[in-house]
Amino acid sequence: MAIGGALYQGNSGLVAGPLGVVKVGFNGFDMGKTVSDATLEVMQNIKDITYQQDGTMPADKVRTGIIYQLKVSFGEISTGLLNQIMNGVEMITNDVNSDGAVITRSMYSSQRENESAPLRIAKVDSNGSESDLDQDVMNFYTAICNIEGAMINWGADTQREVAATFDIYWDEFATGESTTYDGAFGYYGDPIVADVPAVVWPDREGPYVVSAETFSATVVHLQMQETTALVTGPTPEERVVLIVDGDYVVPSAVIINIGDDTIVDVTVATITTGQVLAVCLLPGVFEDTETVPNESGRLVDFSVTNNV
């Protein structure tokens, strides 16, 4: 005889199986690799209800408060990371060739009103890549972050890390956003099926290459993931590194395709059929067309064999 009915198992990589690793995103940013386990905790205030007639042990319990906390130790320390997790570390530049911050303070102001942002936890596969499947990504509407302990550590044999805690708050939905719930902390899975509004994830990522192909004997097409524009100033060789059969080749022109502004055209000397081209887009030389543009930041290599 079975002890009871079977529990629903599902297929979310966040909870299925005995082991698993995640990555954390906050305020639209990938927060990088972590050093130790990431843990999601439920923080509850529970009031014991007692009655004289029932003796001295509680006759009931009532929750009087609840939030969630994500605890994580980040291992890729940078000024950009500290700027996101510690209010008061203000970057003085976002130039990839420079760095700096003003360390100031923020006091007597609401963190929820001034520092909160959406939070994401995504399942990571065996190659270290995060999943973008709905069931593998946990989304929270409103979270604030505080550093726990040391902000930066230095040592001859000590790995640098910074521990942080994200407090996650219940978010009240606007009228018409859900016919089922008044609000929620977050969700994983399809928000349409769950009848909750999707978390609005800020766009922080600049253009990057998703594929490359030879368009002609002198032109290589770089397909970007979004509408792309040129940052004023850099020369063609400062925008794209091109290696042909192991030899560095200086591009004669790098322009946005006239008919499709998600394509970058790289013009070179004649490419022989069968030659292998390695293409690398450099950071900070392209940007998207957001109101506040995001510059290219990914150093991603693509290899393509000329078959034209």
C-alpha atoms as a PDB file:
ATOM      1  CA  MET A   1       0.000   0.000   0.000  1.00  0.00           C
ATOM      2  CA  ALA A   2       1.338   3.408  -0.957  1.00  0.00           C
ATOM      3  CA  ILE A   3       1.839   5.905   1.841  1.00  0.00           C
ATOM      4  CA  GLY A   4       0.204   8.569  -0.297  1.00  0.00           C
ATOM      5  CA  GLY A   5      -0.083  10.078  -3.737  1.00  0.00           C
ATOM      6  CA  ALA A   6       3.007  10.930  -5.787  1.00  0.00           C
ATOM      7  CA  LEU A   7       4.343  14.459  -5.508  1.00  0.00           C
ATOM      8  CA  TYR A   8       4.469  16.585  -8.643  1.00  0.00           C
ATOM      9  CA  GLN A   9       8.056  16.498  -9.893  1.00  0.00           C
ATOM     10  CA  GLY A  10       8.257  19.006 -12.735  1.00  0.00           C
ATOM     11  CA  ASN A  11      11.409  19.700 -14.730  1.00  0.00           C
ATOM     12  CA  SER A  12      12.872  22.906 -13.322  1.00  0.00           C
ATOM     13  CA  GLY A  13      16.648  22.725 -13.126  1.00  0.00           C
ATOM     14  CA  LEU A  14      16.429  24.962 -10.051  1.00  0.00           C
ATOM     15  CA  VAL A  15      14.959  22.228  -7.870  1.00  0.00           C
ATOM     16  CA  ALA A  16      15.191  18.921  -9.756  1.00  0.00           C
ATOM     17  CA  GLY A  17      17.965  16.534  -8.767  1.00  0.00           C
ATOM     18  CA  PRO A  18      20.282  16.479  -5.751  1.00  0.00           C
ATOM     19  CA  LEU A  19      22.943  18.875  -7.107  1.00  0.00           C
ATOM     20  CA  GLY A  20      23.069  22.111  -9.052  1.00  0.00           C
ATOM     21  CA  VAL A  21      24.743  25.481  -9.493  1.00  0.00           C
ATOM     22  CA  VAL A  22      23.197  28.864 -10.258  1.00  0.00           C
ATOM     23  CA  LYS A  23      24.209  32.333 -11.406  1.00  0.00           C
ATOM     24  CA  VAL A  24      22.774  35.548 -10.035  1.00  0.00           C
ATOM     25  CA  GLY A  25      21.590  38.609 -11.927  1.00  0.00           C
ATOM     26  CA  PHE A  26      20.653  41.906 -10.289  1.00  0.00           C
ATOM     27  CA  ASN A  27      19.330  45.154 -11.748  1.00  0.00           C
ATOM     28  CA  GLY A  28      19.943  43.889 -15.271  1.00  0.00           C
ATOM     29  CA  PHE A  29      23.556  42.835 -14.652  1.00  0.00           C
ATOM     30  CA  ASP A  30      25.227  39.423 -14.660  1.00  0.00           C
ATOM     31  CA  MET A  31      26.900  39.411 -11.241  1.00  0.00           C
ATOM     32  CA  GLY A  32      29.585  36.931 -12.291  1.00  0.00           C
ATOM     33  CA  LYS A  33      30.841  33.702 -10.801  1.00  0.00           C
ATOM     34  CA  THR A  34      30.317  32.770  -7.169  1.00  0.00           C
ATOM     35  CA  VAL A  35      32.694  31.236  -4.648  1.00  0.00           C
ATOM     36  CA  SER A  36      30.422  29.226  -2.370  1.00  0.00           C
ATOM     37  CA  ASP A  37      26.852  27.968  -2.299  1.00  0.00           C
ATOM     38  CA  ALA A  38      24.008  30.343  -3.064  1.00  0.00           C
ATOM     39  CA  THR A  39      21.171  29.817  -0.573  1.00  0.00           C
ATOM     40  CA  LEU A  40      17.595  31.077  -0.634  1.00  0.00           C
ATOM     41  CA  GLU A  41      16.167  31.335   2.871  1.00  0.00           C
ATOM     42  CA  VAL A  42      12.669  32.061   4.171  1.00  0.00           C
ATOM     43  CA  MET A  43      12.736  34.579   7.031  1.00  0.00           C
ATOM     44  CA  GLN A  44       9.559  34.313   9.103  1.00  0.00           C
ATOM     45  CA  ASN A  45       8.239  35.868  12.264  1.00  0.00           C
ATOM     46  CA  ILE A  46       5.854  33.405  13.867  1.00  0.00           C
ATOM     47  CA  LYS A  47       3.738  34.170  16.922  1.00  0.00           C
ATOM     48  CA  ASP A  48       2.849  31.362  19.307  1.00  0.00           C
ATOM     49  CA  ILE A  49      -0.822  31.371  20.261  1.00  0.00           C
ATOM     50  CA  THR A  50      -1.500  30.003  23.741  1.00  0.00           C
ATOM     51  CA  TYR A  51      -4.629  29.553  25.837  1.00  0.00           C
ATOM     52  CA  GLN A  52      -4.837  29.031  29.581  1.00  0.00           C
ATOM     53  CA  GLN A  53      -7.248  26.176  29.038  1.00  0.00           C
ATOM     54  CA  ASP A  54      -4.755  24.386  26.748  1.00  0.00           C
ATOM     55  CA  GLY A  55      -1.760  24.556  29.062  1.00  0.00           C
ATOM     56  CA  THR A  56       1.634  26.155  28.458  1.00  0.00           C
ATOM     57  CA  MET A  57       2.435  24.819  24.983  1.00  0.00           C
ATOM     58  CA  PRO A  58       1.266  26.731  21.886  1.00  0.00           C
ATOM     59  CA  ALA A  59      -2.171  25.782  20.622  1.00  0.00           C
ATOM     60  CA  ASP A  60      -1.487  27.441  17.275  1.00  0.00           C
ATOM     61  CA  LYS A  61       1.039  29.504  15.356  1.00  0.00           C
ATOM     62  CA  VAL A  62       0.447  32.620  13.252  1.00  0.00           C
ATOM     63  CA  ARG A  63       2.861  34.122  10.752  1.00  0.00           C
ATOM     64  CA  THR A  64       3.256  37.837  11.391  1.00  0.00           C
ATOM     65  CA  GLY A  65       5.934  38.626   8.835  1.00  0.00           C
ATOM     66  CA  ILE A  66       7.834  37.034   5.952  1.00  0.00           C
ATOM     67  CA  ILE A  67      10.588  37.936   3.534  1.00  0.00           C
ATOM     68  CA  TYR A  68      13.057  35.862   1.523  1.00  0.00           C
ATOM     69  CA  GLN A  69      16.834  36.192   1.584  1.00  0.00           C
ATOM     70  CA  LEU A  70      19.370  35.136  -1.023  1.00  0.00           C
ATOM     71  CA  LYS A  71      22.869  34.712   0.390  1.00  0.00           C
ATOM     72  CA  VAL A  72      25.784  34.476  -2.021  1.00  0.00           C
ATOM     73  CA  SER A  73      29.536  35.113  -2.199  1.00  0.00           C
ATOM     74  CA  PHE A  74      30.717  36.738  -5.415  1.00  0.00           C
ATOM     75  CA  GLY A  75      34.151  35.793  -6.710  1.00  0.00           C
ATOM     76  CA  GLU A  76      34.712  38.165  -9.632  1.00  0.00           C
ATOM     77  CA  ILE A  77      35.273  41.442  -7.832  1.00  0.00           C
ATOM     78  CA  SER A  78      35.180  44.659  -9.844  1.00  0.00           C
ATOM     79  CA  THR A  79      34.214  48.286  -9.425  1.00  0.00           C
ATOM     80  CA  GLY A  80      31.038  47.571 -11.354  1.00  0.00           C
ATOM     81  CA  LEU A  81      30.083  44.751  -8.971  1.00  0.00           C
ATOM     82  CA  LEU A  82      30.772  46.858  -5.869  1.00  0.00           C
ATOM     83  CA  ASN A  83      28.713  49.679  -7.364  1.00  0.00           C
ATOM     84  CA  GLN A  84      25.709  47.364  -7.581  1.00  0.00           C
ATOM     85  CA  ILE A  85      25.921  45.701  -4.171  1.00  0.00           C
ATOM     86  CA  MET A  86      27.211  48.581  -2.013  1.00  0.00           C
ATOM     87  CA  ASN A  87      25.440  51.911  -2.160  1.00  0.00           C
ATOM     88  CA  GLY A  88      28.127  54.540  -1.724  1.00  0.00           C
ATOM     89  CA  VAL A  89      30.637  53.055  -4.163  1.00  0.00           C
ATOM     90  CA  GLU A  90      30.116  55.431  -7.084  1.00  0.00           C
ATOM     91  CA  MET A  91      31.920  54.694 -10.347  1.00  0.00           C
ATOM     92  CA  ILE A  92      33.726  57.690 -11.866  1.00  0.00           C
ATOM     93  CA  THR A  93      34.060  56.056 -15.299  1.00  0.00           C
ATOM     94  CA  ASN A  94      32.788  53.109 -17.327  1.00  0.00           C
ATOM     95  CA  ASP A  95      35.703  53.277 -19.767  1.00  0.00           C
ATOM     96  CA  VAL A  96      37.081  49.766 -20.345  1.00  0.00           C
ATOM     97  CA  ASN A  97      40.606  51.240 -20.336  1.00  0.00           C
ATOM     98  CA  SER A  98      40.228  53.033 -16.999  1.00  0.00           C
ATOM     99  CA  ASP A  99      38.769  52.498 -13.538  1.00  0.00           C
ATOM    100  CA  GLY A 100      37.908  54.391 -10.382  1.00  0.00           C
ATOM    101  CA  ALA A 101      35.254  55.077  -7.780  1.00  0.00           C
ATOM    102  CA  VAL A 102      34.332  57.567  -5.092  1.00  0.00           C
ATOM    103  CA  ILE A 103      33.608  55.867  -1.772  1.00  0.00           C
ATOM    104  CA  THR A 104      30.915  57.948  -0.124  1.00  0.00           C
ATOM    105  CA  ARG A 105      27.919  57.124   2.069  1.00  0.00           C
ATOM    106  CA  SER A 106      24.167  56.828   1.918  1.00  0.00           C
ATOM    107  CA  MET A 107      22.318  57.217   5.215  1.00  0.00           C
ATOM    108  CA  TYR A 108      18.806  57.724   6.567  1.00  0.00           C
ATOM    109  CA  SER A 109      17.069  56.932   3.305  1.00  0.00           C
ATOM    110  CA  SER A 110      14.844  54.033   2.290  1.00  0.00           C
ATOM    111  CA  GLN A 111      16.810  51.277   0.603  1.00  0.00           C
ATOM    112  CA  ARG A 112      13.621  49.874  -0.871  1.00  0.00           C
ATOM    113  CA  GLU A 113      12.709  53.199  -2.493  1.00  0.00           C
ATOM    114  CA  ASN A 114      16.217  54.133  -3.626  1.00  0.00           C
ATOM    115  CA  GLU A 115      18.203  50.917  -4.146  1.00  0.00           C
ATOM    116  CA  SER A 116      15.778  48.101  -4.941  1.00  0.00           C
ATOM    117  CA  ALA A 117      15.888  46.280  -8.265  1.00  0.00           C
ATOM    118  CA  PRO A 118      14.738  42.983  -9.790  1.00  0.00           C
ATOM    119  CA  LEU A 119      16.731  39.843  -8.980  1.00  0.00           C
ATOM    120  CA  ARG A 120      17.271  36.672 -10.994  1.00  0.00           C
ATOM    121  CA  ILE A 121      18.611  33.220 -10.138  1.00  0.00           C
ATOM    122  CA  ALA A 122      19.338  31.000 -13.139  1.00  0.00           C
ATOM    123  CA  LYS A 123      20.307  27.342 -13.324  1.00  0.00           C
ATOM    124  CA  VAL A 124      23.792  26.766 -14.758  1.00  0.00           C
ATOM    125  CA  ASP A 125      24.722  23.794 -16.944  1.00  0.00           C
ATOM    126  CA  SER A 126      27.911  21.722 -16.865  1.00  0.00           C
ATOM    127  CA  ASN A 127      29.622  24.241 -19.164  1.00  0.00           C
ATOM    128  CA  GLY A 128      28.962  27.127 -16.795  1.00  0.00           C
ATOM    129  CA  SER A 129      26.291  28.692 -19.014  1.00  0.00           C
ATOM    130  CA  GLU A 130      23.035  29.895 -17.506  1.00  0.00           C
ATOM    131  CA  SER A 131      19.716  28.616 -18.822  1.00  0.00           C
ATOM    132  CA  ASP A 132      17.171  30.973 -20.342  1.00  0.00           C
ATOM    133  CA  LEU A 133      14.252  28.541 -20.046  1.00  0.00           C
ATOM    134  CA  ASP A 134      11.372  29.924 -17.994  1.00  0.00           C
ATOM    135  CA  GLN A 135      11.352  26.953 -15.618  1.00  0.00           C
ATOM    136  CA  ASP A 136      15.090  27.355 -14.930  1.00  0.00           C
ATOM    137  CA  VAL A 137      15.033  31.047 -13.983  1.00  0.00           C
ATOM    138  CA  MET A 138      13.665  32.366 -10.681  1.00  0.00           C
ATOM    139  CA  ASN A 139      12.586  36.011 -10.924  1.00  0.00           C
ATOM    140  CA  PHE A 140      11.958  38.375  -8.016  1.00  0.00           C
ATOM    141  CA  TYR A 141      10.338  41.784  -8.371  1.00  0.00           C
ATOM    142  CA  THR A 142      11.927  43.769  -5.561  1.00  0.00           C
ATOM    143  CA  ALA A 143      15.240  43.104  -3.817  1.00  0.00           C
ATOM    144  CA  ILE A 144      17.866  45.157  -2.005  1.00  0.00           C
ATOM    145  CA  CYS A 145      21.463  44.108  -1.445  1.00  0.00           C
ATOM    146  CA  ASN A 146      23.820  44.538   1.498  1.00  0.00           C
ATOM    147  CA  ILE A 147      27.401  43.362   1.911  1.00  0.00           C
ATOM    148  CA  GLU A 148      28.043  40.914   4.732  1.00  0.00           C
ATOM    149  CA  GLY A 149      31.493  41.362   6.249  1.00  0.00           C
ATOM    150  CA  ALA A 150      34.528  42.356   4.190  1.00  0.00           C
ATOM    151  CA  MET A 151      33.992  44.412   1.035  1.00  0.00           C
ATOM    152  CA  ILE A 152      37.461  43.604  -0.361  1.00  0.00           C
ATOM    153  CA  ASN A 153      40.096  41.235   0.973  1.00  0.00           C
ATOM    154  CA  TRP A 154      43.793  41.173   0.095  1.00  0.00           C
ATOM    155  CA  GLY A 155      46.176  38.340   0.806  1.00  0.00           C
ATOM    156  CA  ALA A 156      49.087  36.410  -0.699  1.00  0.00           C
ATOM    157  CA  ASP A 157      47.140  33.143  -0.665  1.00  0.00           C
ATOM    158  CA  THR A 158      43.543  34.268  -0.219  1.00  0.00           C
ATOM    159  CA  GLN A 159      40.966  34.233  -2.974  1.00  0.00           C
ATOM    160  CA  ARG A 160      39.139  37.521  -3.209  1.00  0.00           C
ATOM    161  CA  GLU A 161      35.397  37.326  -2.543  1.00  0.00           C
ATOM    162  CA  VAL A 162      32.580  39.424  -1.189  1.00  0.00           C
ATOM    163  CA  ALA A 163      29.562  37.992   0.626  1.00  0.00           C
ATOM    164  CA  ALA A 164      26.216  39.650   0.034  1.00  0.00           C
ATOM    165  CA  THR A 165      22.628  39.227   1.176  1.00  0.00           C
ATOM    166  CA  PHE A 166      19.638  40.129  -0.974  1.00  0.00           C
ATOM    167  CA  ASP A 167      16.457  40.867   0.959  1.00  0.00           C
ATOM    168  CA  ILE A 168      13.463  40.059  -1.245  1.00  0.00           C
ATOM    169  CA  TYR A 169      10.166  41.837  -0.601  1.00  0.00           C
ATOM    170  CA  TRP A 170       6.557  41.138  -1.504  1.00  0.00           C
ATOM    171  CA  ASP A 171       5.490  43.287  -4.460  1.00  0.00           C
ATOM    172  CA  GLU A 172       1.927  44.528  -4.783  1.00  0.00           C
ATOM    173  CA  PHE A 173       0.496  44.215  -8.284  1.00  0.00           C
ATOM    174  CA  ALA A 174      -1.206  47.076 -10.056  1.00  0.00           C
ATOM    175  CA  THR A 175      -4.871  46.794 -10.962  1.00  0.00           C
ATOM    176  CA  GLY A 176      -5.360  44.414 -13.864  1.00  0.00           C
ATOM    177  CA  GLU A 177      -1.912  42.797 -13.709  1.00  0.00           C
ATOM    178  CA  SER A 178      -3.313  39.570 -12.296  1.00  0.00           C
ATOM    179  CA  THR A 179      -6.780  38.142 -11.782  1.00  0.00           C
ATOM    180  CA  THR A 180      -5.443  35.565  -9.304  1.00  0.00           C
ATOM    181  CA  TYR A 181      -2.948  37.331  -7.017  1.00  0.00           C
ATOM    182  CA  ASP A 182      -2.767  40.687  -5.270  1.00  0.00           C
ATOM    183  CA  GLY A 183       1.008  40.488  -5.334  1.00  0.00           C
ATOM    184  CA  ALA A 184       3.972  38.139  -5.006  1.00  0.00           C
ATOM    185  CA  PHE A 185       7.667  37.942  -4.177  1.00  0.00           C
ATOM    186  CA  GLY A 186       8.479  36.414  -7.549  1.00  0.00           C
ATOM    187  CA  TYR A 187       8.029  33.337  -9.707  1.00  0.00           C
ATOM    188  CA  TYR A 188       9.711  30.727 -11.875  1.00  0.00           C
ATOM    189  CA  GLY A 189       8.089  29.267 -14.953  1.00  0.00           C
ATOM    190  CA  ASP A 190       5.936  31.056 -17.516  1.00  0.00           C
ATOM    191  CA  PRO A 191       4.455  34.250 -15.970  1.00  0.00           C
ATOM    192  CA  ILE A 192       1.514  34.162 -18.397  1.00  0.00           C
ATOM    193  CA  VAL A 193       0.533  30.690 -17.237  1.00  0.00           C
ATOM    194  CA  ALA A 194       1.073  31.737 -13.615  1.00  0.00           C
ATOM    195  CA  ASP A 195      -1.099  34.839 -14.136  1.00  0.00           C
ATOM    196  CA  VAL A 196       1.516  37.241 -12.797  1.00  0.00           C
ATOM    197  CA  PRO A 197       3.239  40.185 -14.466  1.00  0.00           C
ATOM    198  CA  ALA A 198       6.660  39.424 -15.944  1.00  0.00           C
ATOM    199  CA  VAL A 199       9.596  40.987 -14.130  1.00  0.00           C
ATOM    200  CA  VAL A 200      10.843  44.013 -16.067  1.00  0.00           C
ATOM    201  CA  TRP A 201      14.545  43.245 -16.549  1.00  0.00           C
ATOM    202  CA  PRO A 202      16.654  46.344 -17.329  1.00  0.00           C
ATOM    203  CA  ASP A 203      18.607  46.249 -20.590  1.00  0.00           C
ATOM    204  CA  ARG A 204      22.273  46.631 -19.594  1.00  0.00           C
ATOM    205  CA  GLU A 205      23.942  44.693 -22.387  1.00  0.00           C
ATOM    206  CA  GLY A 206      25.494  46.243 -25.447  1.00  0.00           C
ATOM    207  CA  PRO A 207      25.710  44.667 -28.905  1.00  0.00           C
ATOM    208  CA  TYR A 208      27.548  41.373 -29.342  1.00  0.00           C
ATOM    209  CA  VAL A 209      28.087  38.950 -32.220  1.00  0.00           C
ATOM    210  CA  VAL A 210      25.767  35.940 -32.461  1.00  0.00           C
ATOM    211  CA  SER A 211      27.043  34.647 -35.821  1.00  0.00           C
ATOM    212  CA  ALA A 212      29.467  35.475 -38.617  1.00  0.00           C
ATOM    213  CA  GLU A 213      29.529  34.648 -42.313  1.00  0.00           C
ATOM    214  CA  THR A 214      31.388  35.641 -45.455  1.00  0.00           C
ATOM    215  CA  PHE A 215      29.049  37.739 -47.604  1.00  0.00           C
ATOM    216  CA  SER A 216      31.451  38.212 -50.496  1.00  0.00           C
ATOM    217  CA  ALA A 217      35.119  37.840 -51.319  1.00  0.00           C
ATOM    218  CA  THR A 218      35.817  41.079 -49.434  1.00  0.00           C
ATOM    219  CA  VAL A 219      33.018  41.438 -46.842  1.00  0.00           C
ATOM    220  CA  VAL A 220      32.299  39.546 -43.625  1.00  0.00           C
ATOM    221  CA  HIS A 221      28.865  39.930 -42.043  1.00  0.00           C
ATOM    222  CA  LEU A 222      28.707  40.026 -38.232  1.00  0.00           C
ATOM    223  CA  GLN A 223      25.165  39.374 -37.051  1.00  0.00           C
ATOM    224  CA  MET A 224      24.458  41.245 -33.816  1.00  0.00           C
ATOM    225  CA  GLN A 225      21.709  40.418 -31.333  1.00  0.00           C
ATOM    226  CA  GLU A 226      20.206  43.927 -31.540  1.00  0.00           C
ATOM    227  CA  THR A 227      20.242  47.205 -33.452  1.00  0.00           C
ATOM    228  CA  THR A 228      23.821  48.469 -33.447  1.00  0.00           C
ATOM    229  CA  ALA A 229      25.573  51.807 -33.939  1.00  0.00           C
ATOM    230  CA  LEU A 230      29.223  52.863 -34.062  1.00  0.00           C
ATOM    231  CA  VAL A 231      30.843  54.593 -31.099  1.00  0.00           C
ATOM    232  CA  THR A 232      32.574  57.680 -32.489  1.00  0.00           C
ATOM    233  CA  GLY A 233      36.345  57.558 -32.700  1.00  0.00           C
ATOM    234  CA  PRO A 234      37.833  54.060 -33.019  1.00  0.00           C
ATOM    235  CA  THR A 235      39.449  53.019 -36.289  1.00  0.00           C
ATOM    236  CA  PRO A 236      38.430  49.788 -38.080  1.00  0.00           C
ATOM    237  CA  GLU A 237      41.289  47.797 -36.532  1.00  0.00           C
ATOM    238  CA  GLU A 238      40.289  49.125 -33.096  1.00  0.00           C
ATOM    239  CA  ARG A 239      36.751  47.785 -33.578  1.00  0.00           C
ATOM    240  CA  VAL A 240      37.315  44.299 -34.969  1.00  0.00           C
ATOM    241  CA  VAL A 241      40.257  41.908 -34.790  1.00  0.00           C
ATOM    242  CA  LEU A 242      40.414  39.680 -37.854  1.00  0.00           C
ATOM    243  CA  ILE A 243      42.707  36.651 -38.194  1.00  0.00           C
ATOM    244  CA  VAL A 244      42.824  34.922 -41.604  1.00  0.00           C
ATOM    245  CA  ASP A 245      44.486  31.488 -41.627  1.00  0.00           C
ATOM    246  CA  GLY A 246      46.451  32.464 -38.526  1.00  0.00           C
ATOM    247  CA  ASP A 247      47.602  35.881 -39.803  1.00  0.00           C
ATOM    248  CA  TYR A 248      46.339  39.208 -38.494  1.00  0.00           C
ATOM    249  CA  VAL A 249      44.552  41.233 -41.199  1.00  0.00           C
ATOM    250  CA  VAL A 250      43.690  44.916 -40.798  1.00  0.00           C
ATOM    251  CA  PRO A 251      40.072  45.609 -41.854  1.00  0.00           C
ATOM    252  CA  SER A 252      39.813  48.442 -44.369  1.00  0.00           C
ATOM    253  CA  ALA A 253      36.324  49.389 -43.194  1.00  0.00           C
ATOM    254  CA  VAL A 254      33.836  48.518 -40.456  1.00  0.00           C
ATOM    255  CA  ILE A 255      30.336  49.907 -41.013  1.00  0.00           C
ATOM    256  CA  ILE A 256      26.721  49.234 -40.096  1.00  0.00           C
ATOM    257  CA  ASN A 257      24.914  47.430 -42.926  1.00  0.00           C
ATOM    258  CA  ILE A 258      22.754  49.884 -44.892  1.00  0.00           C
ATOM    259  CA  GLY A 259      19.821  47.504 -45.215  1.00  0.00           C
ATOM    260  CA  ASP A 260      19.944  45.904 -41.742  1.00  0.00           C
ATOM    261  CA  ASP A 261      21.252  47.780 -38.720  1.00  0.00           C
ATOM    262  CA  THR A 262      21.713  44.540 -36.771  1.00  0.00           C
ATOM    263  CA  ILE A 263      24.559  43.575 -39.128  1.00  0.00           C
ATOM    264  CA  VAL A 264      28.118  44.923 -39.053  1.00  0.00           C
ATOM    265  CA  ASP A 265      29.994  44.770 -42.359  1.00  0.00           C
ATOM    266  CA  VAL A 266      33.741  44.171 -42.084  1.00  0.00           C
ATOM    267  CA  THR A 267      35.614  44.862 -45.319  1.00  0.00           C
ATOM    268  CA  VAL A 268      38.986  43.203 -45.940  1.00  0.00           C
ATOM    269  CA  ALA A 269      41.273  42.353 -48.836  1.00  0.00           C
ATOM    270  CA  THR A 270      40.136  39.476 -51.018  1.00  0.00           C
ATOM    271  CA  ILE A 271      39.446  36.303 -49.051  1.00  0.00           C
ATOM    272  CA  THR A 272      40.280  33.065 -50.791  1.00  0.00           C
ATOM    273  CA  THR A 273      37.688  30.304 -50.808  1.00  0.00           C
ATOM    274  CA  GLY A 274      38.408  27.832 -48.022  1.00  0.00           C
ATOM    275  CA  GLN A 275      40.303  30.269 -45.806  1.00  0.00           C
ATOM    276  CA  VAL A 276      39.348  30.246 -42.114  1.00  0.00           C
ATOM    277  CA  LEU A 277      38.567  33.613 -40.517  1.00  0.00           C
ATOM    278  CA  ALA A 278      38.602  34.258 -36.771  1.00  0.00           C
ATOM    279  CA  VAL A 279      36.629  37.375 -35.864  1.00  0.00           C
ATOM    280  CA  CYS A 280      36.624  39.176 -32.517  1.00  0.00           C
ATOM    281  CA  LEU A 281      34.527  42.235 -31.672  1.00  0.00           C
ATOM    282  CA  LEU A 282      36.326  44.540 -29.259  1.00  0.00           C
ATOM    283  CA  PRO A 283      34.565  46.074 -26.229  1.00  0.00           C
ATOM    284  CA  GLY A 284      33.466  49.691 -26.091  1.00  0.00           C
ATOM    285  CA  VAL A 285      33.475  50.321 -29.853  1.00  0.00           C
ATOM    286  CA  PHE A 286      29.820  49.631 -30.700  1.00  0.00           C
ATOM    287  CA  GLU A 287      26.639  50.606 -28.880  1.00  0.00           C
ATOM    288  CA  ASP A 288      22.943  49.912 -29.006  1.00  0.00           C
ATOM    289  CA  THR A 289      20.247  52.505 -29.609  1.00  0.00           C
ATOM    290  CA  GLU A 290      18.753  52.706 -26.122  1.00  0.00           C
ATOM    291  CA  THR A 291      18.020  56.158 -24.670  1.00  0.00           C
ATOM    292  CA  VAL A 292      21.143  55.569 -22.587  1.00  0.00           C
ATOM    293  CA  PRO A 293      23.245  53.451 -24.966  1.00  0.00           C
ATOM    294  CA  ASN A 294      24.943  50.260 -23.775  1.00  0.00           C
ATOM    295  CA  GLU A 295      28.397  49.723 -25.269  1.00  0.00           C
ATOM    296  CA  SER A 296      29.747  46.419 -26.586  1.00  0.00           C
ATOM    297  CA  GLY A 297      31.395  44.499 -23.811  1.00  0.00           C
ATOM    298  CA  ARG A 298      31.751  40.856 -24.858  1.00  0.00           C
ATOM    299  CA  LEU A 299      35.037  39.516 -26.172  1.00  0.00           C
ATOM    300  CA  VAL A 300      33.599  36.629 -28.186  1.00  0.00           C
ATOM    301  CA  ASP A 301      35.515  34.917 -30.985  1.00  0.00           C
ATOM    302  CA  PHE A 302      33.815  33.482 -34.052  1.00  0.00           C
ATOM    303  CA  SER A 303      35.428  31.286 -36.688  1.00  0.00           C
ATOM    304  CA  VAL A 304      33.985  31.142 -40.185  1.00  0.00           C
ATOM    305  CA  THR A 305      35.232  29.365 -43.322  1.00  0.00           C
ATOM    306  CA  ASN A 306      34.929  31.374 -46.523  1.00  0.00           C
ATOM    307  CA  ASN A 307      32.727  29.471 -48.961  1.00  0.00           C
ATOM    308  CA  VAL A 308      32.017  32.355 -51.345  1.00  0.00           C
END
